[in-house]
């Protein structure tokens, strides 16, 4: 195995497992201990891993939240495709929770003629849903200025009384080891309560959210169905082993699986 191939192999293993052992790498790459040690040293110097006794662990940064205006301008086409796909998962008669977030916002036009009840903690989502005559409930509480999401104890208490067929969440970070994460503990609390009260949980995230970690954990990834645009094959296989993942393809209608 060439040097660059070994580097990629090591980093792919770290992305999947979070930790690699030198002995395992020696067997899997058919290389000597000195070669693997040298590889790990080089990758550590590049800031791509951290050496530990007997191997290495993955480097990650705890990312901070972007303002909602800035998030709205990022990966717009990918978010719209994910949103359209997600909306096709909603069936007449469903009661759903629609989380605050830019991707869930793009679902709204595709929900216009559906006979459903929608609960949300997002002021902008609620307003647009009302404009198109959806049956919508906006939970009460404190309005977070940066994301226009309703948070706090009042909303949590109200949300705890509701039950959902499906929940659609935006998320800031998806990681096999660290799970589904978001920067704000109060927004995380709302997401956790919605997840707890739902039969099915769909996390809507473009590929930039994968292998990212933020401050507060919402849940393990195996408890959710991930809905994303097409991922790198190695990355897809790693996440596919850990949970259910639905990929948006160019022909959206041909890729909806039976989920009921």
C-alpha atoms as a PDB file:
ATOM      1  CA  UNK A   1       0.000   0.000   0.000  1.00  0.00           C
ATOM      2  CA  UNK A   2       1.400   3.390  -1.019  1.00  0.00           C
ATOM      3  CA  UNK A   3       1.986   6.099   1.582  1.00  0.00           C
ATOM      4  CA  UNK A   4      -0.948   8.294   0.483  1.00  0.00           C
ATOM      5  CA  UNK A   5      -3.213   5.237   0.412  1.00  0.00           C
ATOM      6  CA  UNK A   6      -2.204   4.403   3.982  1.00  0.00           C
ATOM      7  CA  UNK A   7      -2.918   7.968   5.092  1.00  0.00           C
ATOM      8  CA  UNK A   8      -6.393   7.795   3.562  1.00  0.00           C
ATOM      9  CA  UNK A   9      -6.998   4.351   5.093  1.00  0.00           C
ATOM     10  CA  UNK A  10      -6.015   5.567   8.556  1.00  0.00           C
ATOM     11  CA  UNK A  11      -8.170   8.698   8.334  1.00  0.00           C
ATOM     12  CA  UNK A  12     -11.152   6.724   7.001  1.00  0.00           C
ATOM     13  CA  UNK A  13     -10.834   4.283   9.912  1.00  0.00           C
ATOM     14  CA  UNK A  14     -10.728   7.176  12.354  1.00  0.00           C
ATOM     15  CA  UNK A  15     -13.827   8.733  10.782  1.00  0.00           C
ATOM     16  CA  UNK A  16     -15.651   5.432  11.280  1.00  0.00           C
ATOM     17  CA  UNK A  17     -14.335   4.415  14.701  1.00  0.00           C
ATOM     18  CA  UNK A  18     -12.831   7.467  16.378  1.00  0.00           C
ATOM     19  CA  UNK A  19      -9.849   5.407  17.551  1.00  0.00           C
ATOM     20  CA  UNK A  20      -7.336   3.139  15.790  1.00  0.00           C
ATOM     21  CA  UNK A  21      -4.731   0.747  17.193  1.00  0.00           C
ATOM     22  CA  UNK A  22      -1.263   0.526  15.686  1.00  0.00           C
ATOM     23  CA  UNK A  23      -1.307  -3.275  15.813  1.00  0.00           C
ATOM     24  CA  UNK A  24      -4.520  -3.401  13.796  1.00  0.00           C
ATOM     25  CA  UNK A  25      -3.155  -0.958  11.233  1.00  0.00           C
ATOM     26  CA  UNK A  26      -0.001  -3.057  10.843  1.00  0.00           C
ATOM     27  CA  UNK A  27      -2.061  -6.151  10.040  1.00  0.00           C
ATOM     28  CA  UNK A  28      -4.561  -4.417   7.779  1.00  0.00           C
ATOM     29  CA  UNK A  29      -1.968  -2.528   5.715  1.00  0.00           C
ATOM     30  CA  UNK A  30       0.722  -5.216   5.896  1.00  0.00           C
ATOM     31  CA  UNK A  31       3.261  -2.670   7.132  1.00  0.00           C
ATOM     32  CA  UNK A  32       5.880  -2.609   9.848  1.00  0.00           C
ATOM     33  CA  UNK A  33       5.448  -0.948  13.216  1.00  0.00           C
ATOM     34  CA  UNK A  34       7.990   1.728  12.281  1.00  0.00           C
ATOM     35  CA  UNK A  35       6.058   2.580   9.103  1.00  0.00           C
ATOM     36  CA  UNK A  36       2.757   2.940  10.944  1.00  0.00           C
ATOM     37  CA  UNK A  37       4.416   4.972  13.675  1.00  0.00           C
ATOM     38  CA  UNK A  38       5.865   7.277  11.034  1.00  0.00           C
ATOM     39  CA  UNK A  39       2.479   7.600   9.301  1.00  0.00           C
ATOM     40  CA  UNK A  40       0.772   8.536  12.560  1.00  0.00           C
ATOM     41  CA  UNK A  41       3.499  11.065  13.348  1.00  0.00           C
ATOM     42  CA  UNK A  42       3.051  12.757   9.963  1.00  0.00           C
ATOM     43  CA  UNK A  43      -0.734  12.872  10.271  1.00  0.00           C
ATOM     44  CA  UNK A  44      -0.461  14.277  13.787  1.00  0.00           C
ATOM     45  CA  UNK A  45       1.899  17.013  12.553  1.00  0.00           C
ATOM     46  CA  UNK A  46      -0.738  17.902   9.960  1.00  0.00           C
ATOM     47  CA  UNK A  47      -3.333  18.205  12.719  1.00  0.00           C
ATOM     48  CA  UNK A  48      -5.417  15.292  11.399  1.00  0.00           C
ATOM     49  CA  UNK A  49      -5.192  13.017  14.461  1.00  0.00           C
ATOM     50  CA  UNK A  50      -3.838  12.827  17.997  1.00  0.00           C
ATOM     51  CA  UNK A  51      -1.377  10.114  19.001  1.00  0.00           C
ATOM     52  CA  UNK A  52      -2.322   8.029  22.047  1.00  0.00           C
ATOM     53  CA  UNK A  53      -0.666   5.026  23.628  1.00  0.00           C
ATOM     54  CA  UNK A  54      -0.855   2.171  21.142  1.00  0.00           C
ATOM     55  CA  UNK A  55      -2.519   4.131  18.333  1.00  0.00           C
ATOM     56  CA  UNK A  56      -4.329   7.377  17.554  1.00  0.00           C
ATOM     57  CA  UNK A  57      -7.674   9.107  18.007  1.00  0.00           C
ATOM     58  CA  UNK A  58      -9.609  11.417  15.724  1.00  0.00           C
ATOM     59  CA  UNK A  59      -9.358  15.171  15.979  1.00  0.00           C
ATOM     60  CA  UNK A  60     -12.587  17.144  16.054  1.00  0.00           C
ATOM     61  CA  UNK A  61     -13.566  20.708  16.838  1.00  0.00           C
ATOM     62  CA  UNK A  62     -16.629  21.722  18.813  1.00  0.00           C
ATOM     63  CA  UNK A  63     -18.184  24.039  16.253  1.00  0.00           C
ATOM     64  CA  UNK A  64     -20.133  27.177  17.096  1.00  0.00           C
ATOM     65  CA  UNK A  65     -23.506  28.156  15.683  1.00  0.00           C
ATOM     66  CA  UNK A  66     -23.777  30.433  12.666  1.00  0.00           C
ATOM     67  CA  UNK A  67     -26.393  33.230  12.566  1.00  0.00           C
ATOM     68  CA  UNK A  68     -29.609  32.133  10.840  1.00  0.00           C
ATOM     69  CA  UNK A  69     -29.084  34.580   7.957  1.00  0.00           C
ATOM     70  CA  UNK A  70     -25.687  33.071   7.223  1.00  0.00           C
ATOM     71  CA  UNK A  71     -27.045  29.508   7.470  1.00  0.00           C
ATOM     72  CA  UNK A  72     -29.849  30.363   5.046  1.00  0.00           C
ATOM     73  CA  UNK A  73     -27.300  31.211   2.354  1.00  0.00           C
ATOM     74  CA  UNK A  74     -25.365  27.945   2.646  1.00  0.00           C
ATOM     75  CA  UNK A  75     -25.981  24.855   0.457  1.00  0.00           C
ATOM     76  CA  UNK A  76     -29.396  26.122  -0.626  1.00  0.00           C
ATOM     77  CA  UNK A  77     -29.980  23.676  -3.498  1.00  0.00           C
ATOM     78  CA  UNK A  78     -28.967  20.666  -1.395  1.00  0.00           C
ATOM     79  CA  UNK A  79     -31.280  21.764   1.423  1.00  0.00           C
ATOM     80  CA  UNK A  80     -34.205  22.237  -0.943  1.00  0.00           C
ATOM     81  CA  UNK A  81     -33.742  18.737  -2.393  1.00  0.00           C
ATOM     82  CA  UNK A  82     -33.561  17.203   1.083  1.00  0.00           C
ATOM     83  CA  UNK A  83     -36.648  19.162   2.138  1.00  0.00           C
ATOM     84  CA  UNK A  84     -38.686  18.025  -0.877  1.00  0.00           C
ATOM     85  CA  UNK A  85     -37.654  14.436  -0.230  1.00  0.00           C
ATOM     86  CA  UNK A  86     -38.570  14.720   3.453  1.00  0.00           C
ATOM     87  CA  UNK A  87     -41.973  16.192   2.646  1.00  0.00           C
ATOM     88  CA  UNK A  88     -42.779  13.108   0.575  1.00  0.00           C
ATOM     89  CA  UNK A  89     -42.387  11.067   3.764  1.00  0.00           C
ATOM     90  CA  UNK A  90     -45.342  12.923   5.311  1.00  0.00           C
ATOM     91  CA  UNK A  91     -48.683  11.166   4.776  1.00  0.00           C
ATOM     92  CA  UNK A  92     -52.234  12.479   5.124  1.00  0.00           C
ATOM     93  CA  UNK A  93     -53.392  12.022   8.710  1.00  0.00           C
ATOM     94  CA  UNK A  94     -49.913  12.453  10.214  1.00  0.00           C
ATOM     95  CA  UNK A  95     -49.185  14.638  13.213  1.00  0.00           C
ATOM     96  CA  UNK A  96     -45.648  15.917  12.858  1.00  0.00           C
ATOM     97  CA  UNK A  97     -43.163  18.126  14.684  1.00  0.00           C
ATOM     98  CA  UNK A  98     -41.270  20.534  12.452  1.00  0.00           C
ATOM     99  CA  UNK A  99     -38.084  21.775  14.057  1.00  0.00           C
ATOM    100  CA  UNK A 100     -36.567  25.223  13.632  1.00  0.00           C
ATOM    101  CA  UNK A 101     -33.892  25.292  10.947  1.00  0.00           C
ATOM    102  CA  UNK A 102     -33.252  26.278   7.366  1.00  0.00           C
ATOM    103  CA  UNK A 103     -33.783  22.815   5.862  1.00  0.00           C
ATOM    104  CA  UNK A 104     -37.131  22.253   7.583  1.00  0.00           C
ATOM    105  CA  UNK A 105     -38.139  25.723   6.379  1.00  0.00           C
ATOM    106  CA  UNK A 106     -37.768  24.528   2.790  1.00  0.00           C
ATOM    107  CA  UNK A 107     -40.231  21.671   3.471  1.00  0.00           C
ATOM    108  CA  UNK A 108     -43.147  24.062   3.865  1.00  0.00           C
ATOM    109  CA  UNK A 109     -44.228  24.569   0.223  1.00  0.00           C
ATOM    110  CA  UNK A 110     -44.340  20.784  -0.213  1.00  0.00           C
ATOM    111  CA  UNK A 111     -46.721  20.409   2.761  1.00  0.00           C
ATOM    112  CA  UNK A 112     -49.330  22.797   1.370  1.00  0.00           C
ATOM    113  CA  UNK A 113     -52.059  20.357   0.351  1.00  0.00           C
ATOM    114  CA  UNK A 114     -51.462  17.654   2.953  1.00  0.00           C
ATOM    115  CA  UNK A 115     -54.150  16.848   5.514  1.00  0.00           C
ATOM    116  CA  UNK A 116     -51.866  16.897   8.562  1.00  0.00           C
ATOM    117  CA  UNK A 117     -51.351  18.593  11.929  1.00  0.00           C
ATOM    118  CA  UNK A 118     -48.033  20.374  12.377  1.00  0.00           C
ATOM    119  CA  UNK A 119     -46.466  21.402  15.685  1.00  0.00           C
ATOM    120  CA  UNK A 120     -43.407  23.642  15.535  1.00  0.00           C
ATOM    121  CA  UNK A 121     -41.161  25.784  17.707  1.00  0.00           C
ATOM    122  CA  UNK A 122     -40.161  27.966  14.741  1.00  0.00           C
ATOM    123  CA  UNK A 123     -41.863  31.331  14.328  1.00  0.00           C
ATOM    124  CA  UNK A 124     -41.027  31.683  10.649  1.00  0.00           C
ATOM    125  CA  UNK A 125     -42.186  28.150   9.871  1.00  0.00           C
ATOM    126  CA  UNK A 126     -45.453  28.711  11.752  1.00  0.00           C
ATOM    127  CA  UNK A 127     -46.174  31.928   9.886  1.00  0.00           C
ATOM    128  CA  UNK A 128     -45.566  30.401   6.450  1.00  0.00           C
ATOM    129  CA  UNK A 129     -47.612  27.309   7.316  1.00  0.00           C
ATOM    130  CA  UNK A 130     -50.510  29.523   8.435  1.00  0.00           C
ATOM    131  CA  UNK A 131     -50.272  31.495   5.177  1.00  0.00           C
ATOM    132  CA  UNK A 132     -50.910  28.293   3.223  1.00  0.00           C
ATOM    133  CA  UNK A 133     -53.762  27.191   5.543  1.00  0.00           C
ATOM    134  CA  UNK A 134     -52.023  24.281   7.251  1.00  0.00           C
ATOM    135  CA  UNK A 135     -53.261  23.130  10.667  1.00  0.00           C
ATOM    136  CA  UNK A 136     -50.366  24.462  12.766  1.00  0.00           C
ATOM    137  CA  UNK A 137     -49.587  24.768  16.486  1.00  0.00           C
ATOM    138  CA  UNK A 138     -46.764  27.077  17.576  1.00  0.00           C
ATOM    139  CA  UNK A 139     -45.539  26.183  21.045  1.00  0.00           C
ATOM    140  CA  UNK A 140     -45.059  28.996  23.552  1.00  0.00           C
ATOM    141  CA  UNK A 141     -42.002  30.155  25.417  1.00  0.00           C
ATOM    142  CA  UNK A 142     -38.923  32.334  24.986  1.00  0.00           C
ATOM    143  CA  UNK A 143     -37.983  33.439  21.466  1.00  0.00           C
ATOM    144  CA  UNK A 144     -34.309  32.941  20.651  1.00  0.00           C
ATOM    145  CA  UNK A 145     -33.326  35.955  18.567  1.00  0.00           C
ATOM    146  CA  UNK A 146     -30.569  34.366  16.482  1.00  0.00           C
ATOM    147  CA  UNK A 147     -32.494  31.319  15.208  1.00  0.00           C
ATOM    148  CA  UNK A 148     -36.101  32.521  15.721  1.00  0.00           C
ATOM    149  CA  UNK A 149     -36.767  29.294  17.662  1.00  0.00           C
ATOM    150  CA  UNK A 150     -39.023  29.097  20.713  1.00  0.00           C
ATOM    151  CA  UNK A 151     -37.190  27.578  23.697  1.00  0.00           C
ATOM    152  CA  UNK A 152     -37.561  27.281  27.462  1.00  0.00           C
ATOM    153  CA  UNK A 153     -39.590  25.538  30.147  1.00  0.00           C
ATOM    154  CA  UNK A 154     -43.026  26.628  28.908  1.00  0.00           C
ATOM    155  CA  UNK A 155     -42.448  25.138  25.481  1.00  0.00           C
ATOM    156  CA  UNK A 156     -40.987  21.963  26.943  1.00  0.00           C
ATOM    157  CA  UNK A 157     -44.006  21.467  29.187  1.00  0.00           C
ATOM    158  CA  UNK A 158     -46.399  22.013  26.291  1.00  0.00           C
ATOM    159  CA  UNK A 159     -44.416  19.743  23.984  1.00  0.00           C
ATOM    160  CA  UNK A 160     -44.344  16.948  26.574  1.00  0.00           C
ATOM    161  CA  UNK A 161     -48.128  16.616  26.211  1.00  0.00           C
ATOM    162  CA  UNK A 162     -48.030  15.962  22.466  1.00  0.00           C
ATOM    163  CA  UNK A 163     -47.373  12.771  20.499  1.00  0.00           C
ATOM    164  CA  UNK A 164     -46.139  12.625  16.911  1.00  0.00           C
ATOM    165  CA  UNK A 165     -46.063  10.166  14.042  1.00  0.00           C
ATOM    166  CA  UNK A 166     -42.927  11.800  12.720  1.00  0.00           C
ATOM    167  CA  UNK A 167     -40.446  14.427  13.778  1.00  0.00           C
ATOM    168  CA  UNK A 168     -38.276  16.372  11.323  1.00  0.00           C
ATOM    169  CA  UNK A 169     -35.176  17.860  12.903  1.00  0.00           C
ATOM    170  CA  UNK A 170     -32.449  20.156  11.717  1.00  0.00           C
ATOM    171  CA  UNK A 171     -29.088  19.393  13.303  1.00  0.00           C
ATOM    172  CA  UNK A 172     -25.656  21.012  13.413  1.00  0.00           C
ATOM    173  CA  UNK A 173     -23.484  17.944  13.833  1.00  0.00           C
ATOM    174  CA  UNK A 174     -23.734  14.248  12.977  1.00  0.00           C
ATOM    175  CA  UNK A 175     -21.026  11.912  14.177  1.00  0.00           C
ATOM    176  CA  UNK A 176     -20.929   8.134  14.581  1.00  0.00           C
ATOM    177  CA  UNK A 177     -19.223   8.335  17.968  1.00  0.00           C
ATOM    178  CA  UNK A 178     -20.664  11.558  19.417  1.00  0.00           C
ATOM    179  CA  UNK A 179     -24.143  11.367  17.908  1.00  0.00           C
ATOM    180  CA  UNK A 180     -26.497  14.184  16.945  1.00  0.00           C
ATOM    181  CA  UNK A 181     -25.421  17.503  18.418  1.00  0.00           C
ATOM    182  CA  UNK A 182     -26.488  21.147  18.435  1.00  0.00           C
ATOM    183  CA  UNK A 183     -24.779  24.202  19.988  1.00  0.00           C
ATOM    184  CA  UNK A 184     -27.558  25.492  22.284  1.00  0.00           C
ATOM    185  CA  UNK A 185     -28.641  23.354  25.275  1.00  0.00           C
ATOM    186  CA  UNK A 186     -32.112  24.929  25.319  1.00  0.00           C
ATOM    187  CA  UNK A 187     -32.720  24.164  21.651  1.00  0.00           C
ATOM    188  CA  UNK A 188     -31.314  20.683  22.289  1.00  0.00           C
ATOM    189  CA  UNK A 189     -33.875  20.210  25.094  1.00  0.00           C
ATOM    190  CA  UNK A 190     -36.743  20.955  22.686  1.00  0.00           C
ATOM    191  CA  UNK A 191     -35.341  18.521  20.132  1.00  0.00           C
ATOM    192  CA  UNK A 192     -34.898  15.821  22.796  1.00  0.00           C
ATOM    193  CA  UNK A 193     -38.497  16.175  23.964  1.00  0.00           C
ATOM    194  CA  UNK A 194     -39.812  15.978  20.399  1.00  0.00           C
ATOM    195  CA  UNK A 195     -37.688  12.882  19.742  1.00  0.00           C
ATOM    196  CA  UNK A 196     -38.934  11.243  22.928  1.00  0.00           C
ATOM    197  CA  UNK A 197     -42.568  11.707  21.896  1.00  0.00           C
ATOM    198  CA  UNK A 198     -42.328  10.572  18.276  1.00  0.00           C
ATOM    199  CA  UNK A 199     -42.744   7.201  16.593  1.00  0.00           C
ATOM    200  CA  UNK A 200     -40.171   8.089  13.919  1.00  0.00           C
ATOM    201  CA  UNK A 201     -37.374  10.655  13.883  1.00  0.00           C
ATOM    202  CA  UNK A 202     -35.961  12.086  10.665  1.00  0.00           C
ATOM    203  CA  UNK A 203     -32.826  14.228  10.782  1.00  0.00           C
ATOM    204  CA  UNK A 204     -32.423  16.490   7.750  1.00  0.00           C
ATOM    205  CA  UNK A 205     -28.806  17.368   7.054  1.00  0.00           C
ATOM    206  CA  UNK A 206     -26.717  18.148   4.014  1.00  0.00           C
ATOM    207  CA  UNK A 207     -23.362  16.404   3.734  1.00  0.00           C
ATOM    208  CA  UNK A 208     -21.464  19.278   5.409  1.00  0.00           C
ATOM    209  CA  UNK A 209     -23.038  18.310   8.776  1.00  0.00           C
ATOM    210  CA  UNK A 210     -21.448  14.857   8.841  1.00  0.00           C
ATOM    211  CA  UNK A 211     -18.410  14.167  11.038  1.00  0.00           C
ATOM    212  CA  UNK A 212     -19.119  17.415  12.900  1.00  0.00           C
ATOM    213  CA  UNK A 213     -19.538  17.804  16.649  1.00  0.00           C
ATOM    214  CA  UNK A 214     -21.173  20.696  18.511  1.00  0.00           C
ATOM    215  CA  UNK A 215     -21.809  21.334  22.197  1.00  0.00           C
ATOM    216  CA  UNK A 216     -24.972  19.512  23.303  1.00  0.00           C
ATOM    217  CA  UNK A 217     -25.957  15.956  22.403  1.00  0.00           C
ATOM    218  CA  UNK A 218     -29.536  15.400  21.267  1.00  0.00           C
ATOM    219  CA  UNK A 219     -29.435  11.626  20.707  1.00  0.00           C
ATOM    220  CA  UNK A 220     -27.462   8.705  19.320  1.00  0.00           C
ATOM    221  CA  UNK A 221     -27.562   8.419  15.539  1.00  0.00           C
ATOM    222  CA  UNK A 222     -28.996   4.884  15.639  1.00  0.00           C
ATOM    223  CA  UNK A 223     -32.243   6.330  17.038  1.00  0.00           C
ATOM    224  CA  UNK A 224     -32.868   8.479  13.959  1.00  0.00           C
ATOM    225  CA  UNK A 225     -33.264   8.132  10.211  1.00  0.00           C
ATOM    226  CA  UNK A 226     -30.801  10.401   8.437  1.00  0.00           C
ATOM    227  CA  UNK A 227     -32.000  12.172   5.300  1.00  0.00           C
ATOM    228  CA  UNK A 228     -29.175  13.701   3.281  1.00  0.00           C
ATOM    229  CA  UNK A 229     -27.898  14.354  -0.180  1.00  0.00           C
ATOM    230  CA  UNK A 230     -25.398  11.974  -1.774  1.00  0.00           C
ATOM    231  CA  UNK A 231     -22.368  11.290   0.410  1.00  0.00           C
ATOM    232  CA  UNK A 232     -18.897  10.028  -0.308  1.00  0.00           C
ATOM    233  CA  UNK A 233     -19.184   6.227  -0.610  1.00  0.00           C
ATOM    234  CA  UNK A 234     -16.801   5.496   2.256  1.00  0.00           C
ATOM    235  CA  UNK A 235     -18.656   7.935   4.480  1.00  0.00           C
ATOM    236  CA  UNK A 236     -22.033   6.541   3.449  1.00  0.00           C
ATOM    237  CA  UNK A 237     -20.982   2.968   4.237  1.00  0.00           C
ATOM    238  CA  UNK A 238     -19.738   3.965   7.670  1.00  0.00           C
ATOM    239  CA  UNK A 239     -22.996   5.693   8.599  1.00  0.00           C
ATOM    240  CA  UNK A 240     -25.124   3.018   6.935  1.00  0.00           C
ATOM    241  CA  UNK A 241     -23.619   0.455   9.337  1.00  0.00           C
ATOM    242  CA  UNK A 242     -24.598   2.632  12.292  1.00  0.00           C
ATOM    243  CA  UNK A 243     -28.134   3.728  11.375  1.00  0.00           C
ATOM    244  CA  UNK A 244     -30.737   4.085   8.620  1.00  0.00           C
ATOM    245  CA  UNK A 245     -29.777   6.669   6.033  1.00  0.00           C
ATOM    246  CA  UNK A 246     -31.890   7.861   3.119  1.00  0.00           C
ATOM    247  CA  UNK A 247     -30.070   9.574   0.267  1.00  0.00           C
ATOM    248  CA  UNK A 248     -31.649  12.155  -1.980  1.00  0.00           C
ATOM    249  CA  UNK A 249     -30.995  11.276  -5.606  1.00  0.00           C
ATOM    250  CA  UNK A 250     -31.721  13.324  -8.694  1.00  0.00           C
ATOM    251  CA  UNK A 251     -34.989  11.453  -9.282  1.00  0.00           C
ATOM    252  CA  UNK A 252     -36.593  12.191  -5.934  1.00  0.00           C
ATOM    253  CA  UNK A 253     -39.783  10.186  -6.466  1.00  0.00           C
ATOM    254  CA  UNK A 254     -37.948   6.932  -7.231  1.00  0.00           C
ATOM    255  CA  UNK A 255     -36.117   6.790  -3.929  1.00  0.00           C
ATOM    256  CA  UNK A 256     -38.796   6.978  -1.263  1.00  0.00           C
ATOM    257  CA  UNK A 257     -38.800   3.814   0.806  1.00  0.00           C
ATOM    258  CA  UNK A 258     -41.791   2.435   2.669  1.00  0.00           C
ATOM    259  CA  UNK A 259     -41.556   3.756   6.222  1.00  0.00           C
ATOM    260  CA  UNK A 260     -45.054   3.134   7.568  1.00  0.00           C
END
